[in-house]
Amino acid sequence: MSYWRAFYHLVWATHKREAWITPERMEMLQQAFRVVAKDQGAFTQAVGGMPDHIHVVVSIPPTIAVSDYVQRLKGSSSRYLNKATENPELDGFHWQSKYFMLTFGERSLPDIIAYVENQETHHTNNNLWPSFEQVEPNHLD
């Protein structure tokens, strides 16, 4: 396929919604996600989140199932965090098994990127877009 445009907003939470995502770990997650994107021929548009969940805006080629891509993001990022962090609190870090996925058109891309990149402001001001905050509550898986 020579030309494609596919946009996804992905959201998932840390295991038990624990507040493990610090600014330093967010940078590590962004790096891990960009490596996966490059390996898969995808493009990471934005990454943002809060201490207990992450938002990713990505363009995924139509030859890759979204579920497979999310599995790669989750798996590679948790392995990377576990390997790179000597912090006992992160021993065995992993994500909840479920995730939220929304497709959208190219015209919405700037607004969705801004929303994802400004998660802290949206949460602090309680100015959330409910349809974009679909993560499991304190799920125990």
N, C-alpha and C. Protein backbone atom coordinates (compact mmCIF):
# COMPACT_ATOMS: atom_id res chain seq x y z
N MET A 1 0.85 -1.16 0.00
CA MET A 1 0.00 0.00 0.00
C MET A 1 0.90 1.23 0.00
N SER A 2 0.70 2.13 -0.94
CA SER A 2 1.60 3.27 -1.07
C SER A 2 1.12 4.50 -0.32
N TYR A 3 -0.16 4.62 -0.04
CA TYR A 3 -0.66 5.82 0.63
C TYR A 3 -1.74 5.43 1.63
N TRP A 4 -1.61 5.93 2.84
CA TRP A 4 -2.62 5.67 3.87
C TRP A 4 -2.63 6.81 4.88
N ARG A 5 -3.76 7.04 5.47
CA ARG A 5 -3.94 8.03 6.54
C ARG A 5 -4.87 7.39 7.56
N ALA A 6 -4.36 7.02 8.71
CA ALA A 6 -5.17 6.40 9.75
C ALA A 6 -4.73 6.97 11.09
N PHE A 7 -5.68 7.48 11.86
CA PHE A 7 -5.37 8.15 13.12
C PHE A 7 -6.11 7.48 14.27
N TYR A 8 -5.38 7.22 15.34
CA TYR A 8 -5.94 6.54 16.50
C TYR A 8 -5.56 7.29 17.78
N HIS A 9 -6.52 7.37 18.69
CA HIS A 9 -6.27 7.86 20.03
C HIS A 9 -6.40 6.64 20.94
N LEU A 10 -5.30 6.28 21.61
CA LEU A 10 -5.24 5.10 22.47
C LEU A 10 -5.08 5.55 23.92
N VAL A 11 -5.75 4.86 24.82
CA VAL A 11 -5.64 5.17 26.25
C VAL A 11 -5.62 3.86 27.02
N TRP A 12 -4.73 3.75 28.00
CA TRP A 12 -4.77 2.62 28.93
C TRP A 12 -4.15 3.04 30.25
N ALA A 13 -4.38 2.23 31.27
CA ALA A 13 -3.98 2.58 32.63
C ALA A 13 -2.89 1.64 33.15
N THR A 14 -2.23 2.11 34.19
CA THR A 14 -1.27 1.27 34.89
C THR A 14 -2.02 0.20 35.67
N HIS A 15 -1.33 -0.87 35.99
CA HIS A 15 -1.92 -1.94 36.78
C HIS A 15 -2.44 -1.37 38.10
N LYS A 16 -3.69 -1.67 38.39
CA LYS A 16 -4.37 -1.21 39.60
C LYS A 16 -4.45 0.32 39.70
N ARG A 17 -4.25 0.99 38.56
CA ARG A 17 -4.30 2.46 38.49
C ARG A 17 -3.30 3.10 39.47
N GLU A 18 -2.18 2.43 39.68
CA GLU A 18 -1.15 2.97 40.57
C GLU A 18 -0.46 4.14 39.87
N ALA A 19 -0.10 5.14 40.64
CA ALA A 19 0.51 6.37 40.12
C ALA A 19 2.01 6.18 39.91
N TRP A 20 2.38 5.43 38.87
CA TRP A 20 3.77 5.10 38.61
C TRP A 20 4.41 5.97 37.53
N ILE A 21 3.62 6.72 36.82
CA ILE A 21 4.19 7.47 35.69
C ILE A 21 4.62 8.86 36.17
N THR A 22 5.92 8.98 36.42
CA THR A 22 6.54 10.26 36.79
C THR A 22 6.95 10.97 35.50
N PRO A 23 7.33 12.24 35.58
CA PRO A 23 7.83 12.91 34.36
C PRO A 23 9.02 12.17 33.73
N GLU A 24 9.92 11.65 34.54
CA GLU A 24 11.06 10.91 34.01
C GLU A 24 10.61 9.64 33.30
N ARG A 25 9.67 8.93 33.90
CA ARG A 25 9.17 7.71 33.28
C ARG A 25 8.34 8.01 32.04
N MET A 26 7.67 9.17 32.02
CA MET A 26 6.93 9.57 30.83
C MET A 26 7.89 9.74 29.66
N GLU A 27 9.04 10.33 29.91
CA GLU A 27 10.04 10.47 28.84
C GLU A 27 10.50 9.12 28.35
N MET A 28 10.68 8.18 29.26
CA MET A 28 11.09 6.83 28.89
C MET A 28 10.00 6.15 28.06
N LEU A 29 8.75 6.34 28.45
CA LEU A 29 7.64 5.76 27.70
C LEU A 29 7.58 6.35 26.29
N GLN A 30 7.75 7.67 26.19
CA GLN A 30 7.73 8.31 24.88
C GLN A 30 8.81 7.72 23.98
N GLN A 31 10.00 7.51 24.53
CA GLN A 31 11.09 6.91 23.75
C GLN A 31 10.72 5.50 23.30
N ALA A 32 10.20 4.70 24.22
CA ALA A 32 9.83 3.32 23.89
C ALA A 32 8.76 3.30 22.81
N PHE A 33 7.77 4.17 22.91
CA PHE A 33 6.69 4.20 21.93
C PHE A 33 7.21 4.61 20.56
N ARG A 34 8.14 5.54 20.52
CA ARG A 34 8.68 5.97 19.23
C ARG A 34 9.53 4.88 18.58
N VAL A 35 10.23 4.08 19.37
CA VAL A 35 10.99 2.94 18.83
C VAL A 35 10.03 1.94 18.19
N VAL A 36 8.94 1.62 18.88
CA VAL A 36 7.95 0.68 18.34
C VAL A 36 7.37 1.25 17.04
N ALA A 37 7.03 2.53 17.05
CA ALA A 37 6.46 3.15 15.85
C ALA A 37 7.41 3.02 14.67
N LYS A 38 8.67 3.34 14.91
CA LYS A 38 9.65 3.26 13.82
C LYS A 38 9.76 1.82 13.31
N ASP A 39 9.82 0.86 14.22
CA ASP A 39 9.94 -0.55 13.84
C ASP A 39 8.72 -1.04 13.05
N GLN A 40 7.55 -0.48 13.32
CA GLN A 40 6.31 -0.94 12.72
C GLN A 40 5.85 -0.10 11.53
N GLY A 41 6.59 0.96 11.20
CA GLY A 41 6.18 1.83 10.11
C GLY A 41 5.03 2.74 10.49
N ALA A 42 4.86 2.97 11.79
CA ALA A 42 3.80 3.86 12.30
C ALA A 42 4.42 5.21 12.64
N PHE A 43 3.58 6.14 13.07
CA PHE A 43 4.08 7.46 13.46
C PHE A 43 3.38 7.90 14.74
N THR A 44 4.17 8.14 15.79
CA THR A 44 3.63 8.63 17.05
C THR A 44 3.43 10.13 16.93
N GLN A 45 2.18 10.56 17.03
CA GLN A 45 1.85 11.98 16.92
C GLN A 45 2.01 12.71 18.26
N ALA A 46 1.60 12.05 19.35
CA ALA A 46 1.67 12.65 20.68
C ALA A 46 1.56 11.58 21.75
N VAL A 47 2.19 11.84 22.88
CA VAL A 47 2.09 10.98 24.06
C VAL A 47 1.91 11.90 25.25
N GLY A 48 0.95 11.58 26.09
CA GLY A 48 0.73 12.35 27.31
C GLY A 48 -0.02 11.50 28.30
N GLY A 49 -0.22 12.03 29.46
CA GLY A 49 -0.97 11.24 30.44
C GLY A 49 -0.86 11.80 31.83
N MET A 50 -1.28 10.98 32.74
CA MET A 50 -1.27 11.28 34.16
C MET A 50 -0.50 10.16 34.85
N PRO A 51 -0.26 10.27 36.15
CA PRO A 51 0.52 9.23 36.82
C PRO A 51 -0.07 7.82 36.72
N ASP A 52 -1.38 7.71 36.44
CA ASP A 52 -2.00 6.38 36.42
C ASP A 52 -2.53 5.94 35.05
N HIS A 53 -2.35 6.77 34.02
CA HIS A 53 -2.78 6.35 32.69
C HIS A 53 -2.04 7.12 31.61
N ILE A 54 -2.10 6.59 30.39
CA ILE A 54 -1.36 7.16 29.27
C ILE A 54 -2.28 7.34 28.07
N HIS A 55 -2.02 8.38 27.30
CA HIS A 55 -2.72 8.65 26.04
C HIS A 55 -1.67 8.64 24.93
N VAL A 56 -2.00 8.01 23.81
CA VAL A 56 -1.10 7.98 22.67
C VAL A 56 -1.91 8.30 21.42
N VAL A 57 -1.43 9.26 20.65
CA VAL A 57 -2.02 9.55 19.34
C VAL A 57 -1.03 9.02 18.32
N VAL A 58 -1.52 8.13 17.47
CA VAL A 58 -0.62 7.44 16.56
C VAL A 58 -1.30 7.18 15.22
N SER A 59 -0.48 7.12 14.19
CA SER A 59 -0.93 6.68 12.86
C SER A 59 -0.33 5.30 12.65
N ILE A 60 -1.20 4.31 12.46
CA ILE A 60 -0.78 2.93 12.33
C ILE A 60 -1.10 2.46 10.91
N PRO A 61 -0.14 1.84 10.23
CA PRO A 61 -0.42 1.35 8.88
C PRO A 61 -1.57 0.34 8.88
N PRO A 62 -2.36 0.31 7.84
CA PRO A 62 -3.50 -0.62 7.79
C PRO A 62 -3.09 -2.09 7.72
N THR A 63 -1.82 -2.36 7.53
CA THR A 63 -1.34 -3.75 7.51
C THR A 63 -1.13 -4.31 8.92
N ILE A 64 -1.27 -3.46 9.94
CA ILE A 64 -1.05 -3.88 11.33
C ILE A 64 -2.35 -3.73 12.11
N ALA A 65 -2.76 -4.78 12.79
CA ALA A 65 -3.95 -4.72 13.64
C ALA A 65 -3.66 -3.81 14.84
N VAL A 66 -4.63 -2.97 15.17
CA VAL A 66 -4.47 -2.05 16.30
C VAL A 66 -4.16 -2.84 17.57
N SER A 67 -4.85 -3.95 17.79
CA SER A 67 -4.61 -4.74 19.00
C SER A 67 -3.17 -5.24 19.06
N ASP A 68 -2.60 -5.65 17.93
CA ASP A 68 -1.20 -6.08 17.90
C ASP A 68 -0.27 -4.92 18.21
N TYR A 69 -0.59 -3.76 17.67
CA TYR A 69 0.25 -2.58 17.89
C TYR A 69 0.23 -2.18 19.37
N VAL A 70 -0.96 -2.15 19.96
CA VAL A 70 -1.07 -1.79 21.38
C VAL A 70 -0.31 -2.81 22.23
N GLN A 71 -0.43 -4.08 21.89
CA GLN A 71 0.30 -5.12 22.63
C GLN A 71 1.80 -4.86 22.58
N ARG A 72 2.30 -4.47 21.42
CA ARG A 72 3.74 -4.15 21.29
C ARG A 72 4.11 -2.92 22.13
N LEU A 73 3.26 -1.89 22.10
CA LEU A 73 3.53 -0.70 22.91
C LEU A 73 3.59 -1.04 24.39
N LYS A 74 2.59 -1.75 24.85
CA LYS A 74 2.53 -2.11 26.27
C LYS A 74 3.70 -3.01 26.67
N GLY A 75 3.94 -4.04 25.88
CA GLY A 75 4.99 -4.99 26.21
C GLY A 75 6.37 -4.37 26.20
N SER A 76 6.69 -3.65 25.14
CA SER A 76 8.03 -3.06 25.05
C SER A 76 8.24 -1.98 26.10
N SER A 77 7.22 -1.19 26.37
CA SER A 77 7.40 -0.12 27.36
C SER A 77 7.52 -0.67 28.78
N SER A 78 6.76 -1.69 29.12
CA SER A 78 6.90 -2.24 30.47
C SER A 78 8.25 -2.95 30.63
N ARG A 79 8.71 -3.65 29.60
CA ARG A 79 10.05 -4.27 29.67
C ARG A 79 11.12 -3.20 29.81
N TYR A 80 11.00 -2.13 29.04
CA TYR A 80 11.98 -1.04 29.09
C TYR A 80 12.00 -0.39 30.47
N LEU A 81 10.84 -0.08 31.03
CA LEU A 81 10.79 0.52 32.36
C LEU A 81 11.36 -0.42 33.42
N ASN A 82 11.01 -1.68 33.34
CA ASN A 82 11.51 -2.64 34.32
C ASN A 82 13.02 -2.80 34.24
N LYS A 83 13.55 -2.78 33.03
CA LYS A 83 14.99 -2.95 32.85
C LYS A 83 15.76 -1.68 33.23
N ALA A 84 15.24 -0.53 32.85
CA ALA A 84 15.97 0.73 33.04
C ALA A 84 15.82 1.31 34.44
N THR A 85 14.85 0.86 35.19
CA THR A 85 14.58 1.44 36.50
C THR A 85 14.96 0.45 37.58
N GLU A 86 15.80 0.89 38.47
CA GLU A 86 16.22 0.04 39.59
C GLU A 86 15.33 0.24 40.80
N ASN A 87 14.22 0.94 40.63
CA ASN A 87 13.33 1.28 41.73
C ASN A 87 12.47 0.07 42.11
N PRO A 88 12.56 -0.40 43.37
CA PRO A 88 11.77 -1.57 43.77
C PRO A 88 10.27 -1.36 43.61
N GLU A 89 9.81 -0.11 43.68
CA GLU A 89 8.37 0.14 43.53
C GLU A 89 7.89 -0.24 42.12
N LEU A 90 8.80 -0.23 41.13
CA LEU A 90 8.43 -0.59 39.77
C LEU A 90 8.72 -2.05 39.44
N ASP A 91 9.17 -2.81 40.42
CA ASP A 91 9.47 -4.21 40.17
C ASP A 91 8.23 -4.90 39.62
N GLY A 92 8.34 -5.37 38.41
CA GLY A 92 7.20 -6.03 37.78
C GLY A 92 6.16 -5.06 37.25
N PHE A 93 6.57 -3.85 36.89
CA PHE A 93 5.62 -2.88 36.34
C PHE A 93 4.91 -3.46 35.14
N HIS A 94 3.62 -3.27 35.09
CA HIS A 94 2.86 -3.62 33.89
C HIS A 94 1.57 -2.80 33.82
N TRP A 95 0.97 -2.88 32.66
CA TRP A 95 -0.24 -2.14 32.37
C TRP A 95 -1.47 -3.01 32.63
N GLN A 96 -2.62 -2.36 32.75
CA GLN A 96 -3.88 -3.11 32.74
C GLN A 96 -4.02 -3.76 31.36
N SER A 97 -4.75 -4.84 31.30
CA SER A 97 -4.86 -5.57 30.04
C SER A 97 -5.75 -4.85 29.02
N LYS A 98 -6.71 -4.07 29.48
CA LYS A 98 -7.64 -3.42 28.56
C LYS A 98 -7.10 -2.08 28.09
N TYR A 99 -7.67 -1.61 27.00
CA TYR A 99 -7.31 -0.29 26.48
C TYR A 99 -8.52 0.28 25.74
N PHE A 100 -8.45 1.58 25.48
CA PHE A 100 -9.49 2.30 24.75
C PHE A 100 -8.88 2.75 23.43
N MET A 101 -9.65 2.67 22.35
CA MET A 101 -9.19 3.10 21.05
C MET A 101 -10.30 3.88 20.36
N LEU A 102 -9.92 5.02 19.80
CA LEU A 102 -10.85 5.86 19.05
C LEU A 102 -10.18 6.25 17.75
N THR A 103 -10.89 6.11 16.65
CA THR A 103 -10.37 6.60 15.37
C THR A 103 -10.91 8.00 15.14
N PHE A 104 -10.19 8.76 14.37
CA PHE A 104 -10.65 10.13 14.07
C PHE A 104 -10.06 10.59 12.75
N GLY A 105 -10.62 11.66 12.23
CA GLY A 105 -10.18 12.21 10.96
C GLY A 105 -9.03 13.19 11.11
N GLU A 106 -8.35 13.44 10.01
CA GLU A 106 -7.17 14.29 10.01
C GLU A 106 -7.47 15.72 10.48
N ARG A 107 -8.68 16.21 10.21
CA ARG A 107 -9.03 17.57 10.65
C ARG A 107 -9.01 17.72 12.17
N SER A 108 -9.26 16.62 12.89
CA SER A 108 -9.28 16.65 14.36
C SER A 108 -7.89 16.49 14.97
N LEU A 109 -6.90 16.14 14.18
CA LEU A 109 -5.57 15.84 14.69
C LEU A 109 -4.98 16.93 15.58
N PRO A 110 -4.97 18.20 15.18
CA PRO A 110 -4.37 19.22 16.06
C PRO A 110 -5.06 19.32 17.42
N ASP A 111 -6.39 19.23 17.45
CA ASP A 111 -7.12 19.32 18.71
C ASP A 111 -6.83 18.12 19.62
N ILE A 112 -6.75 16.95 19.04
CA ILE A 112 -6.50 15.76 19.84
C ILE A 112 -5.06 15.74 20.34
N ILE A 113 -4.12 16.15 19.52
CA ILE A 113 -2.73 16.26 19.99
C ILE A 113 -2.65 17.24 21.16
N ALA A 114 -3.29 18.39 21.03
CA ALA A 114 -3.28 19.39 22.12
C ALA A 114 -3.89 18.81 23.39
N TYR A 115 -4.98 18.08 23.27
CA TYR A 115 -5.62 17.47 24.43
C TYR A 115 -4.67 16.49 25.11
N VAL A 116 -4.03 15.65 24.34
CA VAL A 116 -3.13 14.64 24.90
C VAL A 116 -1.89 15.29 25.53
N GLU A 117 -1.33 16.27 24.87
CA GLU A 117 -0.12 16.91 25.39
C GLU A 117 -0.39 17.79 26.61
N ASN A 118 -1.65 18.12 26.86
CA ASN A 118 -1.99 18.98 28.01
C ASN A 118 -2.86 18.25 29.02
N GLN A 119 -2.57 16.98 29.23
CA GLN A 119 -3.36 16.18 30.16
C GLN A 119 -3.40 16.76 31.57
N GLU A 120 -2.26 17.18 32.07
CA GLU A 120 -2.23 17.70 33.45
C GLU A 120 -3.15 18.90 33.61
N THR A 121 -3.13 19.80 32.66
CA THR A 121 -4.01 20.97 32.72
C THR A 121 -5.47 20.56 32.67
N HIS A 122 -5.81 19.66 31.77
CA HIS A 122 -7.20 19.21 31.65
C HIS A 122 -7.68 18.54 32.93
N HIS A 123 -6.84 17.73 33.54
CA HIS A 123 -7.24 17.05 34.78
C HIS A 123 -7.30 18.04 35.94
N THR A 124 -6.35 18.95 36.03
CA THR A 124 -6.35 19.94 37.11
C THR A 124 -7.57 20.84 37.04
N ASN A 125 -7.93 21.28 35.86
CA ASN A 125 -9.07 22.18 35.67
C ASN A 125 -10.40 21.45 35.51
N ASN A 126 -10.36 20.13 35.59
CA ASN A 126 -11.55 19.29 35.38
C ASN A 126 -12.23 19.64 34.06
N ASN A 127 -11.40 19.83 33.06
CA ASN A 127 -11.85 20.16 31.71
C ASN A 127 -11.60 18.97 30.79
N LEU A 128 -12.10 17.81 31.20
CA LEU A 128 -11.85 16.57 30.48
C LEU A 128 -12.85 16.36 29.37
N TRP A 129 -12.41 15.67 28.34
CA TRP A 129 -13.30 15.22 27.29
C TRP A 129 -13.66 13.79 27.65
N PRO A 130 -14.84 13.55 28.23
CA PRO A 130 -15.17 12.22 28.76
C PRO A 130 -14.94 11.07 27.78
N SER A 131 -15.24 11.28 26.52
CA SER A 131 -15.06 10.19 25.56
C SER A 131 -13.58 9.87 25.32
N PHE A 132 -12.67 10.75 25.76
CA PHE A 132 -11.24 10.52 25.59
C PHE A 132 -10.58 9.99 26.85
N GLU A 133 -11.34 9.82 27.90
CA GLU A 133 -10.79 9.36 29.17
C GLU A 133 -11.33 7.98 29.54
N GLN A 134 -11.51 7.15 28.54
CA GLN A 134 -12.09 5.82 28.75
C GLN A 134 -11.01 4.83 29.19
N VAL A 135 -10.77 4.79 30.50
CA VAL A 135 -9.85 3.80 31.05
C VAL A 135 -10.58 3.07 32.16
N GLU A 136 -10.16 1.85 32.39
CA GLU A 136 -10.78 1.04 33.44
C GLU A 136 -10.55 1.67 34.80
N PRO A 137 -11.55 1.60 35.69
CA PRO A 137 -11.29 2.05 37.06
C PRO A 137 -10.30 1.10 37.72
N ASN A 138 -10.23 1.06 38.99
CA ASN A 138 -9.23 0.28 39.71
C ASN A 138 -9.35 -1.21 39.41
N HIS A 139 -9.15 -1.54 38.18
CA HIS A 139 -9.24 -2.92 37.70
C HIS A 139 -8.05 -3.71 38.23
N LEU A 140 -8.27 -4.92 38.66
CA LEU A 140 -7.21 -5.68 39.33
C LEU A 140 -6.48 -6.68 38.45
N ASP A 141 -6.66 -6.62 37.14
CA ASP A 141 -5.95 -7.61 36.32
C ASP A 141 -4.51 -7.23 36.09
